[in-house]
N, C-alpha and C. Protein backbone atom coordinates (compact mmCIF):
# COMPACT_ATOMS: atom_id res chain seq x y z
N MET A 1 -9.74 -6.60 17.09
CA MET A 1 -9.36 -5.15 15.63
C MET A 1 -10.63 -5.61 14.46
N ARG A 2 -11.14 -4.67 14.47
CA ARG A 2 -12.49 -4.68 13.45
C ARG A 2 -11.94 -4.43 11.67
N PHE A 3 -12.85 -5.75 11.11
CA PHE A 3 -12.45 -5.55 10.05
C PHE A 3 -13.31 -5.76 8.76
N ASP A 4 -13.64 -5.18 7.48
CA ASP A 4 -14.30 -5.66 6.41
C ASP A 4 -14.09 -6.52 5.42
N ARG A 5 -14.63 -7.03 4.41
CA ARG A 5 -14.74 -7.60 3.30
C ARG A 5 -15.41 -7.31 2.26
N PHE A 6 -14.85 -6.56 1.17
CA PHE A 6 -15.58 -6.15 -0.18
C PHE A 6 -15.37 -6.35 -1.06
N ASP A 7 -15.61 -5.95 -2.27
CA ASP A 7 -15.22 -6.78 -3.52
C ASP A 7 -14.45 -5.60 -4.58
N THR A 8 -13.42 -5.74 -4.95
CA THR A 8 -12.81 -4.39 -5.91
C THR A 8 -12.47 -5.34 -6.75
N PRO A 9 -11.93 -4.24 -8.03
CA PRO A 9 -11.76 -5.01 -9.55
C PRO A 9 -9.96 -6.11 -9.01
N ILE A 10 -9.88 -5.96 -7.78
CA ILE A 10 -8.29 -6.28 -8.05
C ILE A 10 -8.83 -8.25 -7.03
N GLY A 11 -10.27 -8.02 -6.99
CA GLY A 11 -10.85 -9.44 -5.88
C GLY A 11 -10.83 -9.00 -4.01
N GLU A 12 -11.41 -9.76 -3.47
CA GLU A 12 -11.68 -8.74 -2.15
C GLU A 12 -11.04 -8.67 -1.17
N MET A 13 -11.33 -7.65 -0.84
CA MET A 13 -10.32 -6.31 -0.20
C MET A 13 -10.79 -6.87 0.95
N THR A 14 -9.43 -6.69 2.49
CA THR A 14 -9.74 -6.98 3.68
C THR A 14 -9.11 -5.40 4.19
N VAL A 15 -10.08 -5.28 5.15
CA VAL A 15 -8.99 -3.69 5.40
C VAL A 15 -9.82 -4.09 7.04
N ALA A 16 -9.10 -3.80 7.97
CA ALA A 16 -8.65 -3.68 9.15
C ALA A 16 -8.12 -3.12 10.29
N ALA A 17 -8.97 -1.96 11.33
CA ALA A 17 -8.45 -1.40 11.87
C ALA A 17 -9.03 -1.81 14.10
N ASP A 18 -8.19 -1.22 14.55
CA ASP A 18 -8.69 -0.47 15.90
C ASP A 18 -9.08 0.81 16.66
N ASP A 19 -9.23 1.24 17.08
CA ASP A 19 -9.09 2.44 17.72
C ASP A 19 -8.08 3.22 17.64
N ALA A 20 -7.03 3.28 17.27
CA ALA A 20 -6.00 3.49 16.96
C ALA A 20 -6.22 4.57 15.58
N GLY A 21 -6.84 3.42 14.58
CA GLY A 21 -6.87 3.86 12.96
C GLY A 21 -6.75 2.52 12.80
N LEU A 22 -6.61 2.53 11.38
CA LEU A 22 -6.65 1.44 9.91
C LEU A 22 -5.04 0.79 9.85
N ARG A 23 -5.29 -0.14 10.42
CA ARG A 23 -3.58 -1.36 10.61
C ARG A 23 -3.46 -1.88 9.35
N HIS A 24 -4.17 -2.60 8.53
CA HIS A 24 -4.14 -3.64 7.71
C HIS A 24 -4.82 -3.31 6.56
N VAL A 25 -4.69 -3.51 5.29
CA VAL A 25 -5.23 -3.67 4.06
C VAL A 25 -5.19 -4.74 3.25
N LEU A 26 -5.06 -5.38 2.92
CA LEU A 26 -5.43 -6.90 2.96
C LEU A 26 -5.84 -7.04 1.08
N PHE A 27 -4.94 -7.97 0.12
CA PHE A 27 -5.37 -8.26 -0.89
C PHE A 27 -5.47 -9.22 -0.68
N PRO A 28 -6.16 -10.21 -1.94
CA PRO A 28 -7.05 -11.49 -2.25
C PRO A 28 -5.75 -12.22 -1.53
N ASP A 29 -4.49 -12.41 -2.40
CA ASP A 29 -2.86 -12.78 -1.51
C ASP A 29 -2.34 -12.24 -0.86
N ASN A 30 -1.79 -12.28 0.16
CA ASN A 30 -0.59 -11.67 0.98
C ASN A 30 0.64 -12.45 1.11
N LYS A 31 1.33 -11.63 0.72
CA LYS A 31 2.64 -12.66 1.07
C LYS A 31 3.24 -12.53 2.67
N TYR A 32 2.83 -11.66 3.30
CA TYR A 32 2.90 -11.45 4.74
C TYR A 32 1.24 -11.53 5.29
N PRO A 33 0.72 -12.57 5.76
CA PRO A 33 -0.93 -12.27 5.99
C PRO A 33 -0.14 -11.84 7.23
N PRO A 34 -1.55 -11.36 8.05
CA PRO A 34 -1.30 -10.04 9.33
C PRO A 34 -1.57 -12.12 10.69
N ALA A 35 -0.73 -11.91 11.40
CA ALA A 35 -1.09 -12.88 12.25
C ALA A 35 -2.37 -12.53 13.56
N GLY A 36 -2.94 -13.61 14.21
CA GLY A 36 -3.85 -13.36 15.15
C GLY A 36 -5.36 -12.99 14.31
N ARG A 37 -5.38 -12.94 12.69
CA ARG A 37 -6.92 -12.88 12.57
C ARG A 37 -8.09 -13.74 13.15
N ASP A 38 -7.99 -14.53 14.50
CA ASP A 38 -9.35 -15.51 15.00
C ASP A 38 -9.97 -14.52 15.31
N GLY A 39 -9.24 -13.13 15.88
CA GLY A 39 -9.61 -12.51 17.00
C GLY A 39 -11.06 -11.37 16.09
N TRP A 40 -10.40 -11.12 15.48
CA TRP A 40 -11.20 -10.18 14.62
C TRP A 40 -12.34 -10.24 14.09
N ARG A 41 -13.53 -9.32 14.65
CA ARG A 41 -14.62 -9.40 14.18
C ARG A 41 -15.82 -8.30 13.10
N ARG A 42 -16.05 -8.60 12.63
CA ARG A 42 -16.80 -7.85 11.31
C ARG A 42 -17.22 -6.87 11.75
N ASP A 43 -17.51 -5.77 11.31
CA ASP A 43 -17.71 -4.42 11.57
C ASP A 43 -17.71 -3.71 10.29
N THR A 44 -18.85 -3.42 9.44
CA THR A 44 -18.91 -3.58 8.42
C THR A 44 -19.48 -1.09 8.32
N ASP A 45 -19.10 -1.06 9.65
CA ASP A 45 -20.30 0.55 9.77
C ASP A 45 -18.51 1.83 10.11
N ALA A 46 -17.63 0.68 11.37
CA ALA A 46 -16.69 0.74 11.40
C ALA A 46 -15.67 1.33 10.67
N LEU A 47 -15.99 -0.12 10.17
CA LEU A 47 -14.72 0.09 8.48
C LEU A 47 -15.28 1.20 7.26
N ARG A 48 -16.44 1.84 7.70
CA ARG A 48 -17.28 2.24 5.86
C ARG A 48 -16.26 3.50 5.46
N ALA A 49 -15.37 4.61 5.84
CA ALA A 49 -14.72 5.13 5.47
C ALA A 49 -13.51 4.18 4.17
N PRO A 50 -12.62 3.90 5.22
CA PRO A 50 -11.68 2.78 4.09
C PRO A 50 -11.97 2.55 3.67
N ARG A 51 -13.50 1.77 3.16
CA ARG A 51 -14.04 1.14 2.18
C ARG A 51 -14.54 2.14 0.99
N GLU A 52 -15.53 2.70 1.34
CA GLU A 52 -15.86 3.95 0.87
C GLU A 52 -14.32 4.78 -0.34
N GLN A 53 -13.35 5.49 0.56
CA GLN A 53 -12.13 5.33 0.21
C GLN A 53 -11.48 4.30 -1.25
N LEU A 54 -11.61 3.32 -0.21
CA LEU A 54 -10.73 1.87 -1.78
C LEU A 54 -11.39 2.33 -2.71
N LEU A 55 -12.16 2.05 -2.78
CA LEU A 55 -14.14 2.07 -3.46
C LEU A 55 -13.57 2.83 -5.27
N ALA A 56 -14.05 4.45 -4.24
CA ALA A 56 -13.66 5.54 -4.65
C ALA A 56 -12.40 5.50 -5.56
N TYR A 57 -11.25 5.12 -4.95
CA TYR A 57 -10.05 5.07 -5.65
C TYR A 57 -9.84 4.20 -7.17
N PHE A 58 -10.61 2.89 -6.67
CA PHE A 58 -10.81 2.13 -8.26
C PHE A 58 -11.30 2.22 -9.16
N ALA A 59 -12.30 3.76 -8.25
CA ALA A 59 -13.49 3.85 -9.52
C ALA A 59 -12.71 4.85 -10.30
N GLY A 60 -11.63 5.36 -9.86
CA GLY A 60 -10.81 6.46 -10.62
C GLY A 60 -11.35 8.09 -10.34
N GLU A 61 -12.92 7.73 -9.44
CA GLU A 61 -12.67 9.00 -8.40
C GLU A 61 -11.72 9.28 -7.16
N LEU A 62 -10.97 9.58 -6.92
CA LEU A 62 -10.31 8.92 -5.35
C LEU A 62 -8.19 9.21 -5.67
N ALA A 63 -7.48 10.08 -5.56
CA ALA A 63 -6.05 10.32 -6.19
C ALA A 63 -5.47 10.08 -4.54
N ALA A 64 -6.10 10.81 -3.42
CA ALA A 64 -5.35 10.54 -2.34
C ALA A 64 -6.42 10.30 -0.99
N PHE A 65 -6.06 9.33 -0.15
CA PHE A 65 -6.82 9.28 0.95
C PHE A 65 -6.65 9.90 2.14
N ASP A 66 -7.78 9.82 3.07
CA ASP A 66 -7.66 11.07 4.41
C ASP A 66 -8.31 10.14 5.49
N LEU A 67 -7.40 9.09 5.85
CA LEU A 67 -7.98 8.07 6.87
C LEU A 67 -6.74 8.61 8.18
N ALA A 68 -7.45 7.79 9.34
CA ALA A 68 -6.63 8.36 10.28
C ALA A 68 -5.67 6.89 10.59
N LEU A 69 -4.48 6.22 10.20
CA LEU A 69 -3.71 5.20 9.85
C LEU A 69 -2.91 4.94 10.99
N ALA A 70 -2.58 3.92 11.55
CA ALA A 70 -1.83 3.16 12.38
C ALA A 70 -1.27 2.18 12.22
N PRO A 71 -0.04 2.22 11.71
CA PRO A 71 0.50 0.86 10.85
C PRO A 71 1.53 0.44 12.12
N THR A 72 1.78 -0.60 12.40
CA THR A 72 2.74 -1.00 13.51
C THR A 72 4.44 -1.41 12.71
N GLY A 73 5.89 -1.34 12.83
CA GLY A 73 7.20 -1.78 12.65
C GLY A 73 7.95 -1.45 12.87
N THR A 74 8.55 -1.30 13.11
CA THR A 74 9.88 -0.90 13.12
C THR A 74 9.97 1.14 13.43
N PRO A 75 10.27 1.02 13.64
CA PRO A 75 11.05 3.13 13.70
C PRO A 75 11.65 2.80 11.97
N PHE A 76 12.54 2.16 11.52
CA PHE A 76 12.81 2.47 10.00
C PHE A 76 11.74 1.84 9.49
N GLN A 77 10.96 0.81 9.24
CA GLN A 77 9.46 0.65 8.81
C GLN A 77 8.69 1.82 8.51
N VAL A 78 8.23 2.56 9.85
CA VAL A 78 7.20 3.51 9.80
C VAL A 78 7.07 5.09 9.37
N LYS A 79 9.13 5.12 9.41
CA LYS A 79 10.13 6.48 8.64
C LYS A 79 9.15 6.28 6.86
N VAL A 80 9.25 4.64 6.12
CA VAL A 80 9.79 4.25 5.35
C VAL A 80 8.14 4.44 4.90
N TRP A 81 7.26 3.83 5.58
CA TRP A 81 5.80 3.14 5.27
C TRP A 81 5.38 5.42 4.40
N THR A 82 5.72 5.58 5.49
CA THR A 82 5.57 7.42 6.26
C THR A 82 5.82 8.15 5.12
N MET A 83 7.14 7.56 4.01
CA MET A 83 7.76 8.75 2.82
C MET A 83 6.74 8.01 1.68
N LEU A 84 6.15 6.65 1.53
CA LEU A 84 5.25 6.39 0.77
C LEU A 84 4.35 7.29 0.38
N ALA A 85 3.79 8.64 1.82
CA ALA A 85 2.48 9.08 1.33
C ALA A 85 2.82 10.22 0.26
N GLY A 86 4.08 10.60 0.22
CA GLY A 86 4.41 11.66 -0.11
C GLY A 86 4.30 11.21 -2.20
N ILE A 87 4.58 9.90 -2.25
CA ILE A 87 4.51 9.57 -3.98
C ILE A 87 3.75 9.96 -4.80
N PRO A 88 3.71 10.78 -5.49
CA PRO A 88 2.43 11.73 -5.69
C PRO A 88 1.35 10.58 -6.82
N TYR A 89 -0.12 10.42 -6.62
CA TYR A 89 -0.47 9.45 -7.69
C TYR A 89 -0.35 9.66 -9.17
N GLY A 90 0.09 8.52 -9.26
CA GLY A 90 0.23 8.30 -10.83
C GLY A 90 1.74 8.02 -10.92
N GLN A 91 2.53 8.41 -10.18
CA GLN A 91 3.94 8.67 -10.11
C GLN A 91 4.77 7.71 -9.62
N THR A 92 5.65 7.55 -9.66
CA THR A 92 6.58 6.24 -8.67
C THR A 92 7.97 7.39 -8.73
N TRP A 93 8.58 6.76 -7.84
CA TRP A 93 10.03 6.27 -7.47
C TRP A 93 10.51 5.36 -7.02
N SER A 94 11.96 5.60 -7.58
CA SER A 94 13.29 4.27 -7.52
C SER A 94 13.01 3.91 -6.23
N TYR A 95 13.40 2.73 -5.99
CA TYR A 95 13.73 2.72 -4.03
C TYR A 95 15.15 2.95 -3.71
N GLY A 96 16.40 3.67 -4.10
CA GLY A 96 17.18 4.66 -4.69
C GLY A 96 16.96 5.83 -4.18
N GLU A 97 15.72 6.75 -4.67
CA GLU A 97 14.93 7.72 -4.31
C GLU A 97 14.44 7.38 -2.91
N LEU A 98 13.66 6.54 -2.52
CA LEU A 98 13.10 6.71 -1.17
C LEU A 98 14.19 6.26 -0.38
N ALA A 99 14.67 6.17 -0.32
CA ALA A 99 16.50 5.74 0.52
C ALA A 99 16.79 7.36 0.50
N ARG A 100 17.15 8.11 -0.36
CA ARG A 100 17.33 9.20 -0.07
C ARG A 100 16.32 9.89 0.30
N ARG A 101 15.56 10.04 0.65
CA ARG A 101 14.29 11.21 0.78
C ARG A 101 13.86 10.69 2.43
N ILE A 102 14.16 9.56 2.99
CA ILE A 102 14.50 10.06 4.33
C ILE A 102 16.00 9.73 5.17
N GLY A 103 16.63 10.28 4.32
CA GLY A 103 17.80 10.10 4.83
C GLY A 103 19.05 9.29 4.36
N GLU A 104 18.36 7.90 4.01
CA GLU A 104 19.56 6.98 4.51
C GLU A 104 19.72 6.33 3.14
N PRO A 105 20.79 7.03 2.05
CA PRO A 105 20.84 6.58 1.15
C PRO A 105 21.31 5.59 0.95
N LYS A 106 21.84 4.61 1.92
CA LYS A 106 22.73 3.65 1.42
C LYS A 106 21.69 2.17 1.81
N ALA A 107 20.68 2.73 2.24
CA ALA A 107 19.75 1.44 2.86
C ALA A 107 18.64 1.30 1.53
N VAL A 108 18.79 1.45 0.71
CA VAL A 108 17.75 1.18 -0.10
C VAL A 108 18.17 -0.81 -0.52
N ARG A 109 18.12 -1.98 0.27
CA ARG A 109 17.82 -3.15 0.56
C ARG A 109 16.94 -2.56 1.62
N ALA A 110 17.44 -1.95 2.39
CA ALA A 110 16.43 -1.87 4.15
C ALA A 110 14.89 -1.36 3.03
N VAL A 111 15.02 -0.46 2.67
CA VAL A 111 14.32 0.41 2.47
C VAL A 111 13.08 -0.56 1.73
N GLY A 112 13.33 -1.59 1.10
CA GLY A 112 13.08 -3.00 -0.22
C GLY A 112 12.39 -3.67 0.47
N ALA A 113 13.17 -4.32 1.49
CA ALA A 113 12.01 -4.89 3.10
C ALA A 113 10.96 -4.00 3.58
N ALA A 114 11.69 -3.07 3.81
CA ALA A 114 9.84 -2.17 4.81
C ALA A 114 9.00 -1.84 3.72
N ASN A 115 9.73 -1.54 2.74
CA ASN A 115 8.34 -1.26 1.58
C ASN A 115 7.97 -2.62 1.52
N GLY A 116 7.94 -4.30 0.92
CA GLY A 116 7.51 -5.18 1.08
C GLY A 116 6.70 -5.30 2.50
N ARG A 117 6.54 -4.63 3.30
CA ARG A 117 6.14 -5.79 4.55
C ARG A 117 5.24 -3.85 5.54
N ASN A 118 4.72 -3.38 3.87
CA ASN A 118 3.84 -2.22 4.43
C ASN A 118 2.25 -2.72 5.23
N PRO A 119 2.30 -2.33 5.66
CA PRO A 119 0.55 -2.55 5.88
C PRO A 119 -0.23 -2.41 5.36
N LEU A 120 -0.45 -1.17 4.73
CA LEU A 120 -1.44 -0.33 4.18
C LEU A 120 -1.22 -0.22 2.44
N PRO A 121 -0.87 -1.36 2.03
CA PRO A 121 -0.67 -1.33 0.46
C PRO A 121 -2.64 -0.45 -0.32
N VAL A 122 -1.49 0.67 -1.44
CA VAL A 122 -2.23 0.66 -1.64
C VAL A 122 -2.41 2.25 -0.90
N ILE A 123 -3.02 2.23 0.46
CA ILE A 123 -3.34 3.35 1.00
C ILE A 123 -2.13 4.39 0.78
N LEU A 124 -0.91 3.51 1.73
CA LEU A 124 0.00 3.74 1.79
C LEU A 124 1.26 3.28 0.27
N PRO A 125 0.91 3.82 -0.63
CA PRO A 125 1.34 3.37 -2.20
C PRO A 125 2.81 2.46 -2.65
N CYS A 126 2.97 1.53 -2.04
CA CYS A 126 4.47 0.62 -2.01
C CYS A 126 4.99 0.09 -3.53
N HIS A 127 3.07 0.22 -3.89
CA HIS A 127 2.92 -0.30 -5.92
C HIS A 127 3.87 0.90 -6.65
N ARG A 128 3.19 2.56 -6.00
CA ARG A 128 4.59 3.37 -6.81
C ARG A 128 6.42 3.40 -6.89
N VAL A 129 6.36 2.12 -6.46
CA VAL A 129 7.98 2.36 -5.66
C VAL A 129 8.43 0.67 -6.97
N ILE A 130 9.80 1.38 -7.52
CA ILE A 130 10.22 0.62 -8.82
C ILE A 130 11.09 0.51 -9.36
N GLY A 131 12.27 -0.03 -9.40
CA GLY A 131 13.74 -0.58 -9.68
C GLY A 131 14.47 0.73 -10.00
N ALA A 132 15.71 0.77 -9.72
CA ALA A 132 16.47 2.47 -10.71
C ALA A 132 15.74 2.20 -12.09
N ASP A 133 15.88 0.63 -12.45
CA ASP A 133 15.86 0.56 -13.89
C ASP A 133 14.77 1.03 -15.00
N GLY A 134 13.88 1.63 -13.79
CA GLY A 134 11.68 1.26 -14.71
C GLY A 134 11.42 0.28 -14.56
N SER A 135 11.71 -0.82 -13.82
CA SER A 135 11.28 -1.91 -13.57
C SER A 135 10.37 -2.81 -12.85
N LEU A 136 9.67 -3.19 -12.34
CA LEU A 136 8.42 -3.59 -11.27
C LEU A 136 9.02 -4.78 -10.98
N THR A 137 9.42 -4.03 -9.48
CA THR A 137 10.10 -5.04 -8.32
C THR A 137 9.22 -5.84 -7.09
N GLY A 138 9.53 -6.96 -6.73
CA GLY A 138 8.66 -7.18 -5.53
C GLY A 138 7.80 -5.65 -5.62
N PHE A 139 6.67 -6.86 -5.10
CA PHE A 139 4.97 -6.31 -4.25
C PHE A 139 4.48 -7.39 -3.42
N GLY A 140 4.09 -6.93 -2.17
CA GLY A 140 3.36 -7.93 -1.19
C GLY A 140 2.30 -8.69 -2.43
N GLY A 141 1.61 -7.96 -3.20
CA GLY A 141 0.20 -8.81 -3.75
C GLY A 141 0.30 -9.32 -5.33
N GLY A 142 1.56 -9.19 -4.87
CA GLY A 142 2.33 -9.83 -6.79
C GLY A 142 2.78 -8.90 -8.08
N LEU A 143 3.63 -8.82 -8.96
CA LEU A 143 3.77 -8.34 -9.52
C LEU A 143 2.34 -8.14 -10.38
N PRO A 144 1.84 -8.48 -10.76
CA PRO A 144 1.06 -8.50 -11.71
C PRO A 144 -0.03 -7.42 -11.52
N LEU A 145 -0.58 -7.32 -9.70
CA LEU A 145 -1.35 -6.78 -8.72
C LEU A 145 -0.58 -5.08 -9.16
N LYS A 146 0.50 -5.23 -9.09
CA LYS A 146 1.51 -4.43 -9.20
C LYS A 146 1.49 -3.29 -10.16
N LYS A 147 0.98 -4.08 -10.90
CA LYS A 147 1.44 -3.54 -12.90
C LYS A 147 -0.37 -2.76 -13.04
N PHE A 148 -0.88 -3.62 -12.65
CA PHE A 148 -2.60 -3.13 -12.34
C PHE A 148 -2.67 -2.13 -11.95
N LEU A 149 -2.39 -1.85 -10.15
CA LEU A 149 -2.11 -0.75 -9.82
C LEU A 149 -1.46 0.88 -10.42
N LEU A 150 -0.44 0.23 -11.28
CA LEU A 150 0.29 1.65 -11.62
C LEU A 150 -0.41 1.82 -13.35
N GLY A 151 -0.56 0.85 -14.07
CA GLY A 151 -1.51 1.21 -14.89
C GLY A 151 -3.01 2.27 -14.89
N HIS A 152 -3.45 1.08 -13.90
CA HIS A 152 -4.75 2.40 -12.94
C HIS A 152 -4.73 3.70 -12.69
N GLU A 153 -3.07 4.01 -12.23
CA GLU A 153 -2.65 5.32 -12.33
C GLU A 153 -2.25 6.36 -13.76
N GLY A 154 -2.30 5.51 -14.45
CA GLY A 154 -2.36 6.22 -15.68
C GLY A 154 -0.47 6.54 -15.90
N ALA A 155 0.62 5.16 -14.88
CA ALA A 155 2.01 5.72 -14.93
C ALA A 155 2.41 4.60 -15.87
N GLY A 156 2.06 3.95 -16.35
CA GLY A 156 2.36 2.78 -17.25
C GLY A 156 2.42 3.23 -18.57
N GLN A 157 2.04 4.35 -18.18
CA GLN A 157 1.47 5.50 -20.11
C GLN A 157 2.37 6.83 -19.60
N ARG A 158 3.27 6.86 -18.30
CA ARG A 158 4.21 7.69 -18.64
C ARG A 158 5.99 6.94 -18.95
N GLY A 159 5.59 6.34 -19.85
CA GLY A 159 7.16 5.45 -20.58
C GLY A 159 8.02 4.58 -19.31
N LEU A 160 7.30 4.13 -18.43
CA LEU A 160 8.07 2.93 -17.93
C LEU A 160 8.09 2.00 -18.45
N GLY A 161 9.00 1.18 -18.41
CA GLY A 161 9.04 -0.25 -19.16
C GLY A 161 8.11 -1.08 -18.99
N PHE A 162 6.76 -1.15 -18.80
CA PHE A 162 5.71 -2.62 -18.30
C PHE A 162 4.65 -1.99 -19.35
């Protein structure tokens, strides 16, 4: 696994990929850090596109990512993560709406659990998923970071309760 680290407005981020594509986007603190990082090797050239696109996102110059992604998870998790990419920049969906959109309207808790295990946050925008009442709930990088990301996208200015 190749990786790169770089400074962002939210602190140092790490991206990691292999030949299949981008596998991890890591915040300074992660609820579920990936195992096996001792074998990773730094390769700034190989991770140039994810780094540049994330920095452009934080600069307000990019609203949609164009990267080869290769998240690893259960079929259900991958289904949830794939649907995250459909949440438009600056908008939010509830966990219930996300569950309905994947065809599993009763799987709200499972959707929340899959969302929390998203290995590619920001790129697959799990921060755009909120509680049915508009509240900020659960985020692997912490709720202050979720609030920052939504504010960065202007979502907080659209009447959400945060």
